[in-house]
N, C-alpha and C. Protein backbone atom coordinates (compact mmCIF):
# COMPACT_ATOMS: atom_id res chain seq x y z
N MET A 1 -31.75 28.44 -31.58
CA MET A 1 -30.80 29.53 -31.39
C MET A 1 -31.07 30.59 -32.47
N ASN A 2 -31.18 31.82 -32.04
CA ASN A 2 -31.34 32.95 -32.96
C ASN A 2 -29.97 33.49 -33.33
N ARG A 3 -29.79 33.82 -34.61
CA ARG A 3 -28.53 34.39 -35.09
C ARG A 3 -28.84 35.72 -35.76
N ILE A 4 -28.15 36.76 -35.32
CA ILE A 4 -28.39 38.09 -35.88
C ILE A 4 -27.06 38.69 -36.32
N PHE A 5 -27.05 39.17 -37.56
CA PHE A 5 -25.87 39.80 -38.12
C PHE A 5 -26.11 41.30 -38.19
N LEU A 6 -25.19 42.07 -37.62
CA LEU A 6 -25.23 43.53 -37.69
C LEU A 6 -23.95 44.01 -38.37
N ASP A 7 -24.09 44.90 -39.32
CA ASP A 7 -22.93 45.42 -40.03
C ASP A 7 -22.99 46.93 -40.00
N TYR A 8 -22.10 47.55 -39.24
CA TYR A 8 -22.07 49.00 -39.13
C TYR A 8 -21.53 49.68 -40.39
N SER A 9 -21.12 48.90 -41.39
CA SER A 9 -20.77 49.48 -42.69
C SER A 9 -21.98 50.20 -43.27
N LYS A 10 -23.17 49.65 -43.02
CA LYS A 10 -24.41 50.22 -43.54
C LYS A 10 -24.74 51.55 -42.87
N LEU A 11 -24.17 51.81 -41.73
CA LEU A 11 -24.29 53.10 -41.06
C LEU A 11 -23.13 54.01 -41.46
N TYR A 12 -21.92 53.49 -41.39
CA TYR A 12 -20.74 54.32 -41.59
C TYR A 12 -20.65 54.91 -43.00
N TYR A 13 -20.66 54.05 -44.01
CA TYR A 13 -20.39 54.56 -45.36
C TYR A 13 -21.45 55.57 -45.84
N PRO A 14 -22.74 55.23 -45.85
CA PRO A 14 -23.71 56.22 -46.38
C PRO A 14 -23.94 57.42 -45.46
N GLU A 15 -23.94 57.20 -44.13
CA GLU A 15 -24.31 58.26 -43.20
C GLU A 15 -23.14 59.12 -42.74
N VAL A 16 -22.00 58.50 -42.46
CA VAL A 16 -20.86 59.24 -41.91
C VAL A 16 -19.90 59.66 -43.03
N ALA A 17 -19.47 58.68 -43.84
CA ALA A 17 -18.50 58.98 -44.90
C ALA A 17 -19.16 59.56 -46.15
N LYS A 18 -20.48 59.41 -46.23
CA LYS A 18 -21.25 59.91 -47.39
C LYS A 18 -20.77 59.30 -48.70
N THR A 19 -20.51 57.98 -48.67
CA THR A 19 -20.10 57.24 -49.85
C THR A 19 -20.91 55.94 -49.93
N ALA A 20 -20.82 55.30 -51.06
CA ALA A 20 -21.42 53.97 -51.20
C ALA A 20 -20.56 52.96 -50.45
N ILE A 21 -21.18 51.87 -50.06
CA ILE A 21 -20.41 50.80 -49.41
C ILE A 21 -19.52 50.17 -50.48
N PRO A 22 -18.20 50.14 -50.26
CA PRO A 22 -17.31 49.55 -51.28
C PRO A 22 -17.47 48.03 -51.35
N PRO A 23 -17.12 47.43 -52.47
CA PRO A 23 -17.25 45.97 -52.59
C PRO A 23 -16.26 45.21 -51.71
N VAL A 24 -15.16 45.86 -51.34
CA VAL A 24 -14.17 45.23 -50.45
C VAL A 24 -14.08 46.07 -49.19
N THR A 25 -14.37 45.45 -48.05
CA THR A 25 -14.26 46.14 -46.77
C THR A 25 -13.41 45.31 -45.82
N LYS A 26 -12.75 46.04 -44.93
CA LYS A 26 -11.94 45.42 -43.88
C LYS A 26 -12.39 46.03 -42.57
N GLY A 27 -12.37 45.21 -41.54
CA GLY A 27 -12.78 45.75 -40.27
C GLY A 27 -12.57 44.77 -39.14
N LYS A 28 -13.24 45.08 -38.06
CA LYS A 28 -13.19 44.24 -36.86
C LYS A 28 -14.60 43.74 -36.58
N PHE A 29 -14.66 42.67 -35.80
CA PHE A 29 -15.96 42.13 -35.42
C PHE A 29 -15.92 41.59 -34.00
N VAL A 30 -17.09 41.52 -33.40
CA VAL A 30 -17.25 40.89 -32.09
C VAL A 30 -18.41 39.92 -32.14
N GLN A 31 -18.37 38.94 -31.27
CA GLN A 31 -19.47 38.01 -31.07
C GLN A 31 -20.06 38.32 -29.70
N ILE A 32 -21.37 38.51 -29.67
CA ILE A 32 -22.07 38.85 -28.44
C ILE A 32 -23.25 37.90 -28.29
N ARG A 33 -23.47 37.45 -27.06
CA ARG A 33 -24.53 36.48 -26.81
C ARG A 33 -25.46 37.00 -25.71
N ASN A 34 -26.74 36.75 -25.89
CA ASN A 34 -27.74 36.99 -24.85
C ASN A 34 -28.66 35.77 -24.84
N LYS A 35 -28.50 34.93 -23.83
CA LYS A 35 -29.24 33.68 -23.72
C LYS A 35 -29.07 32.86 -25.00
N SER A 36 -30.14 32.66 -25.77
CA SER A 36 -30.03 31.84 -26.98
C SER A 36 -29.93 32.68 -28.25
N THR A 37 -29.63 33.96 -28.12
CA THR A 37 -29.45 34.82 -29.28
C THR A 37 -27.98 35.20 -29.42
N PHE A 38 -27.45 34.94 -30.60
CA PHE A 38 -26.06 35.23 -30.89
C PHE A 38 -25.98 36.34 -31.93
N TYR A 39 -25.15 37.32 -31.65
CA TYR A 39 -24.95 38.45 -32.56
C TYR A 39 -23.54 38.40 -33.12
N LEU A 40 -23.44 38.62 -34.40
CA LEU A 40 -22.16 38.80 -35.07
C LEU A 40 -22.17 40.25 -35.55
N VAL A 41 -21.26 41.08 -35.01
CA VAL A 41 -21.30 42.51 -35.25
C VAL A 41 -20.03 42.94 -35.97
N PHE A 42 -20.19 43.42 -37.21
CA PHE A 42 -19.09 43.92 -38.04
C PHE A 42 -19.01 45.43 -37.94
N SER A 43 -17.80 45.97 -38.08
CA SER A 43 -17.63 47.41 -38.17
C SER A 43 -16.38 47.70 -38.99
N PRO A 44 -16.48 48.63 -39.95
CA PRO A 44 -15.29 48.97 -40.75
C PRO A 44 -14.23 49.65 -39.88
N LEU A 45 -12.98 49.45 -40.26
CA LEU A 45 -11.87 50.02 -39.50
C LEU A 45 -11.97 51.53 -39.37
N GLU A 46 -12.50 52.18 -40.39
CA GLU A 46 -12.59 53.63 -40.36
C GLU A 46 -13.62 54.13 -39.33
N PHE A 47 -14.53 53.28 -38.92
CA PHE A 47 -15.62 53.67 -38.01
C PHE A 47 -15.30 53.39 -36.55
N THR A 48 -14.75 52.24 -36.27
CA THR A 48 -14.43 51.87 -34.89
C THR A 48 -13.01 51.32 -34.84
N LYS A 49 -12.18 52.03 -34.16
CA LYS A 49 -10.76 51.67 -34.10
C LYS A 49 -10.52 50.41 -33.26
N TYR A 50 -11.31 50.26 -32.20
CA TYR A 50 -11.11 49.14 -31.27
C TYR A 50 -12.36 48.30 -31.14
N HIS A 51 -12.17 47.04 -30.73
CA HIS A 51 -13.30 46.16 -30.49
C HIS A 51 -14.24 46.74 -29.43
N ALA A 52 -13.66 47.39 -28.43
CA ALA A 52 -14.48 48.00 -27.37
C ALA A 52 -15.42 49.05 -27.94
N ASN A 53 -15.00 49.76 -28.99
CA ASN A 53 -15.87 50.76 -29.61
C ASN A 53 -17.07 50.10 -30.29
N ILE A 54 -16.87 48.90 -30.84
CA ILE A 54 -17.98 48.17 -31.45
C ILE A 54 -19.00 47.78 -30.37
N VAL A 55 -18.50 47.27 -29.25
CA VAL A 55 -19.38 46.87 -28.16
C VAL A 55 -20.14 48.09 -27.62
N GLU A 56 -19.44 49.21 -27.48
CA GLU A 56 -20.10 50.42 -27.01
C GLU A 56 -21.22 50.84 -27.96
N ARG A 57 -20.95 50.85 -29.26
CA ARG A 57 -21.96 51.22 -30.26
C ARG A 57 -23.16 50.27 -30.19
N PHE A 58 -22.88 48.97 -30.09
CA PHE A 58 -23.93 47.96 -29.99
C PHE A 58 -24.81 48.25 -28.78
N CYS A 59 -24.20 48.51 -27.63
CA CYS A 59 -24.95 48.78 -26.41
C CYS A 59 -25.78 50.05 -26.53
N LEU A 60 -25.22 51.09 -27.11
CA LEU A 60 -25.97 52.33 -27.30
C LEU A 60 -27.18 52.08 -28.20
N ASP A 61 -26.99 51.33 -29.27
CA ASP A 61 -28.09 51.04 -30.20
C ASP A 61 -29.18 50.18 -29.57
N LYS A 62 -28.81 49.29 -28.67
CA LYS A 62 -29.75 48.36 -28.06
C LYS A 62 -30.29 48.84 -26.72
N GLY A 63 -29.77 49.96 -26.20
CA GLY A 63 -30.21 50.46 -24.91
C GLY A 63 -29.71 49.61 -23.75
N ILE A 64 -28.53 49.05 -23.89
CA ILE A 64 -27.92 48.20 -22.87
C ILE A 64 -26.90 49.02 -22.10
N GLU A 65 -26.94 48.95 -20.78
CA GLU A 65 -25.99 49.71 -19.97
C GLU A 65 -24.61 49.05 -19.95
N GLY A 66 -23.60 49.89 -20.04
CA GLY A 66 -22.23 49.40 -19.98
C GLY A 66 -21.30 50.57 -19.72
N SER A 67 -20.02 50.27 -19.57
CA SER A 67 -19.04 51.33 -19.35
C SER A 67 -17.65 50.80 -19.68
N TYR A 68 -16.74 51.75 -19.90
CA TYR A 68 -15.34 51.39 -20.13
C TYR A 68 -14.67 51.07 -18.81
N ASP A 69 -13.70 50.16 -18.87
CA ASP A 69 -12.88 49.88 -17.70
C ASP A 69 -11.98 51.10 -17.47
N PRO A 70 -11.30 51.18 -16.32
CA PRO A 70 -10.47 52.37 -16.03
C PRO A 70 -9.41 52.67 -17.09
N GLY A 71 -8.86 51.67 -17.75
CA GLY A 71 -7.85 51.89 -18.77
C GLY A 71 -8.44 52.13 -20.16
N ARG A 72 -9.76 52.11 -20.27
CA ARG A 72 -10.50 52.29 -21.53
C ARG A 72 -10.09 51.27 -22.60
N LYS A 73 -9.74 50.06 -22.15
CA LYS A 73 -9.38 48.99 -23.08
C LYS A 73 -10.59 48.12 -23.43
N ARG A 74 -11.56 48.06 -22.51
CA ARG A 74 -12.74 47.21 -22.68
C ARG A 74 -13.99 48.05 -22.42
N TYR A 75 -15.04 47.69 -23.11
CA TYR A 75 -16.35 48.24 -22.78
C TYR A 75 -17.14 47.06 -22.25
N ASP A 76 -17.47 47.10 -20.98
CA ASP A 76 -18.13 45.98 -20.32
C ASP A 76 -19.63 46.23 -20.23
N ILE A 77 -20.38 45.18 -20.50
CA ILE A 77 -21.83 45.23 -20.40
C ILE A 77 -22.20 44.94 -18.95
N HIS A 78 -23.05 45.77 -18.37
CA HIS A 78 -23.41 45.61 -16.96
C HIS A 78 -24.40 44.48 -16.72
N ASP A 79 -25.25 44.19 -17.68
CA ASP A 79 -26.25 43.13 -17.55
C ASP A 79 -25.57 41.78 -17.81
N HIS A 80 -25.54 40.92 -16.80
CA HIS A 80 -24.82 39.65 -16.90
C HIS A 80 -25.49 38.65 -17.84
N ALA A 81 -26.67 38.97 -18.35
CA ALA A 81 -27.31 38.10 -19.34
C ALA A 81 -26.60 38.22 -20.70
N TRP A 82 -25.83 39.30 -20.86
CA TRP A 82 -25.08 39.53 -22.09
C TRP A 82 -23.63 39.12 -21.89
N LYS A 83 -23.05 38.48 -22.91
CA LYS A 83 -21.65 38.06 -22.82
C LYS A 83 -20.96 38.31 -24.16
N ILE A 84 -19.80 38.92 -24.10
CA ILE A 84 -18.98 39.12 -25.29
C ILE A 84 -18.08 37.89 -25.38
N THR A 85 -18.24 37.11 -26.44
CA THR A 85 -17.54 35.83 -26.52
C THR A 85 -16.27 35.88 -27.36
N GLY A 86 -15.88 37.06 -27.83
CA GLY A 86 -14.62 37.19 -28.55
C GLY A 86 -14.75 38.10 -29.75
N GLY A 87 -13.64 38.24 -30.44
CA GLY A 87 -13.63 39.10 -31.62
C GLY A 87 -12.42 38.83 -32.48
N GLY A 88 -12.34 39.55 -33.56
CA GLY A 88 -11.24 39.41 -34.50
C GLY A 88 -11.36 40.44 -35.60
N LYS A 89 -10.76 40.12 -36.74
CA LYS A 89 -10.80 40.99 -37.91
C LYS A 89 -11.42 40.23 -39.07
N PHE A 90 -11.93 41.01 -40.03
CA PHE A 90 -12.48 40.40 -41.23
C PHE A 90 -12.05 41.17 -42.46
N ASP A 91 -11.99 40.45 -43.58
CA ASP A 91 -11.83 41.02 -44.92
C ASP A 91 -13.00 40.47 -45.72
N LEU A 92 -13.81 41.37 -46.26
CA LEU A 92 -15.02 40.97 -46.97
C LEU A 92 -14.96 41.49 -48.40
N ASP A 93 -15.14 40.59 -49.35
CA ASP A 93 -15.16 40.95 -50.77
C ASP A 93 -16.50 40.48 -51.34
N THR A 94 -17.42 41.41 -51.55
CA THR A 94 -18.75 41.03 -52.04
C THR A 94 -18.73 40.70 -53.53
N ASP A 95 -17.73 41.20 -54.28
CA ASP A 95 -17.65 40.86 -55.71
C ASP A 95 -17.30 39.39 -55.92
N THR A 96 -16.31 38.91 -55.17
CA THR A 96 -15.89 37.50 -55.32
C THR A 96 -16.61 36.59 -54.33
N LYS A 97 -17.45 37.17 -53.48
CA LYS A 97 -18.18 36.42 -52.44
C LYS A 97 -17.21 35.62 -51.57
N ALA A 98 -16.27 36.34 -50.98
CA ALA A 98 -15.27 35.71 -50.11
C ALA A 98 -15.15 36.53 -48.82
N ILE A 99 -14.98 35.81 -47.73
CA ILE A 99 -14.76 36.47 -46.45
C ILE A 99 -13.69 35.72 -45.68
N LYS A 100 -12.82 36.50 -45.05
CA LYS A 100 -11.75 35.92 -44.24
C LYS A 100 -11.87 36.46 -42.82
N PHE A 101 -11.76 35.57 -41.84
CA PHE A 101 -11.75 35.91 -40.43
C PHE A 101 -10.39 35.54 -39.86
N TYR A 102 -9.83 36.44 -39.05
CA TYR A 102 -8.50 36.18 -38.51
C TYR A 102 -8.24 37.05 -37.29
N ASP A 103 -7.10 36.81 -36.67
CA ASP A 103 -6.61 37.60 -35.54
C ASP A 103 -7.52 37.43 -34.31
N ASN A 104 -7.40 38.33 -33.38
CA ASN A 104 -8.21 38.27 -32.17
C ASN A 104 -8.40 39.67 -31.62
N SER A 105 -9.20 39.76 -30.59
CA SER A 105 -9.42 41.03 -29.90
C SER A 105 -8.52 41.06 -28.67
N MET A 106 -7.78 42.15 -28.52
CA MET A 106 -6.95 42.30 -27.33
C MET A 106 -7.82 42.44 -26.09
N ALA A 107 -9.01 42.98 -26.24
CA ALA A 107 -9.90 43.21 -25.10
C ALA A 107 -10.73 41.98 -24.74
N TYR A 108 -11.18 41.22 -25.75
CA TYR A 108 -12.15 40.16 -25.50
C TYR A 108 -11.68 38.76 -25.89
N GLY A 109 -10.47 38.66 -26.42
CA GLY A 109 -9.96 37.36 -26.81
C GLY A 109 -10.36 36.95 -28.22
N ARG A 110 -9.91 35.80 -28.62
CA ARG A 110 -10.19 35.28 -29.97
C ARG A 110 -11.64 34.85 -30.08
N PHE A 111 -12.14 35.02 -31.26
CA PHE A 111 -13.52 34.61 -31.56
C PHE A 111 -13.70 33.10 -31.40
N ASN A 112 -14.92 32.70 -31.20
CA ASN A 112 -15.30 31.30 -31.05
C ASN A 112 -15.46 30.72 -32.46
N GLU A 113 -14.49 29.95 -32.92
CA GLU A 113 -14.49 29.45 -34.30
C GLU A 113 -15.69 28.57 -34.62
N PRO A 114 -16.01 27.56 -33.79
CA PRO A 114 -17.18 26.73 -34.12
C PRO A 114 -18.48 27.54 -34.20
N LEU A 115 -18.65 28.48 -33.29
CA LEU A 115 -19.85 29.32 -33.32
C LEU A 115 -19.86 30.19 -34.57
N LEU A 116 -18.70 30.74 -34.93
CA LEU A 116 -18.62 31.58 -36.12
C LEU A 116 -18.96 30.77 -37.36
N GLU A 117 -18.40 29.58 -37.49
CA GLU A 117 -18.69 28.73 -38.65
C GLU A 117 -20.18 28.42 -38.74
N GLU A 118 -20.78 28.10 -37.60
CA GLU A 118 -22.20 27.79 -37.56
C GLU A 118 -23.04 29.01 -37.96
N MET A 119 -22.67 30.17 -37.43
CA MET A 119 -23.42 31.39 -37.75
C MET A 119 -23.31 31.74 -39.22
N ILE A 120 -22.10 31.73 -39.77
CA ILE A 120 -21.90 32.12 -41.16
C ILE A 120 -22.68 31.20 -42.09
N SER A 121 -22.68 29.91 -41.81
CA SER A 121 -23.40 28.97 -42.68
C SER A 121 -24.91 29.17 -42.60
N ALA A 122 -25.42 29.74 -41.51
CA ALA A 122 -26.86 29.93 -41.33
C ALA A 122 -27.35 31.32 -41.75
N LEU A 123 -26.45 32.27 -41.91
CA LEU A 123 -26.85 33.64 -42.24
C LEU A 123 -27.07 33.81 -43.74
N PRO A 124 -28.23 34.28 -44.15
CA PRO A 124 -28.49 34.46 -45.59
C PRO A 124 -27.56 35.49 -46.24
N GLU A 125 -27.04 36.43 -45.46
CA GLU A 125 -26.13 37.44 -45.99
C GLU A 125 -24.85 36.83 -46.57
N PHE A 126 -24.50 35.62 -46.14
CA PHE A 126 -23.27 34.98 -46.57
C PHE A 126 -23.51 33.72 -47.40
N SER A 127 -24.71 33.56 -47.89
CA SER A 127 -25.03 32.42 -48.73
C SER A 127 -24.16 32.45 -49.98
N GLY A 128 -23.49 31.33 -50.26
CA GLY A 128 -22.64 31.23 -51.43
C GLY A 128 -21.25 31.81 -51.26
N PHE A 129 -20.92 32.30 -50.08
CA PHE A 129 -19.59 32.87 -49.83
C PHE A 129 -18.57 31.77 -49.55
N THR A 130 -17.35 32.03 -49.97
CA THR A 130 -16.21 31.21 -49.56
C THR A 130 -15.72 31.80 -48.24
N VAL A 131 -15.58 30.95 -47.23
CA VAL A 131 -15.20 31.41 -45.90
C VAL A 131 -13.84 30.83 -45.54
N LEU A 132 -12.94 31.70 -45.13
CA LEU A 132 -11.62 31.30 -44.68
C LEU A 132 -11.44 31.78 -43.25
N ILE A 133 -11.07 30.85 -42.37
CA ILE A 133 -10.80 31.20 -40.97
C ILE A 133 -9.34 30.87 -40.69
N GLU A 134 -8.59 31.90 -40.31
CA GLU A 134 -7.15 31.70 -40.02
C GLU A 134 -6.92 31.77 -38.53
């Protein structure tokens, strides 16, 4: 299984906000799967207000076709090989090496806890971090 971590903080803070990435960030995340590849996609609250906005950005970056539902609550991927498996919120503190995952996505449901735990433990970006899942 391939695990890929994408963090739109690296786009938002230096490119859009024209600031350094702060040591403490809060945001939303989604889990997206394509066959045996799992993506964990973070985005700061200031960049994407809704989980659907994260999925839209991901699709635009990857060249994947999708569209919003009529109520603009969800951004659905048209290719059925891709599946959004849930989402939630995160609080990340790089100084204390701590991350908290909580809540759920109104559009895509709660994140898959076992998959999240497996991904976090395998991702080098989170090596040595204390992980709290509420």
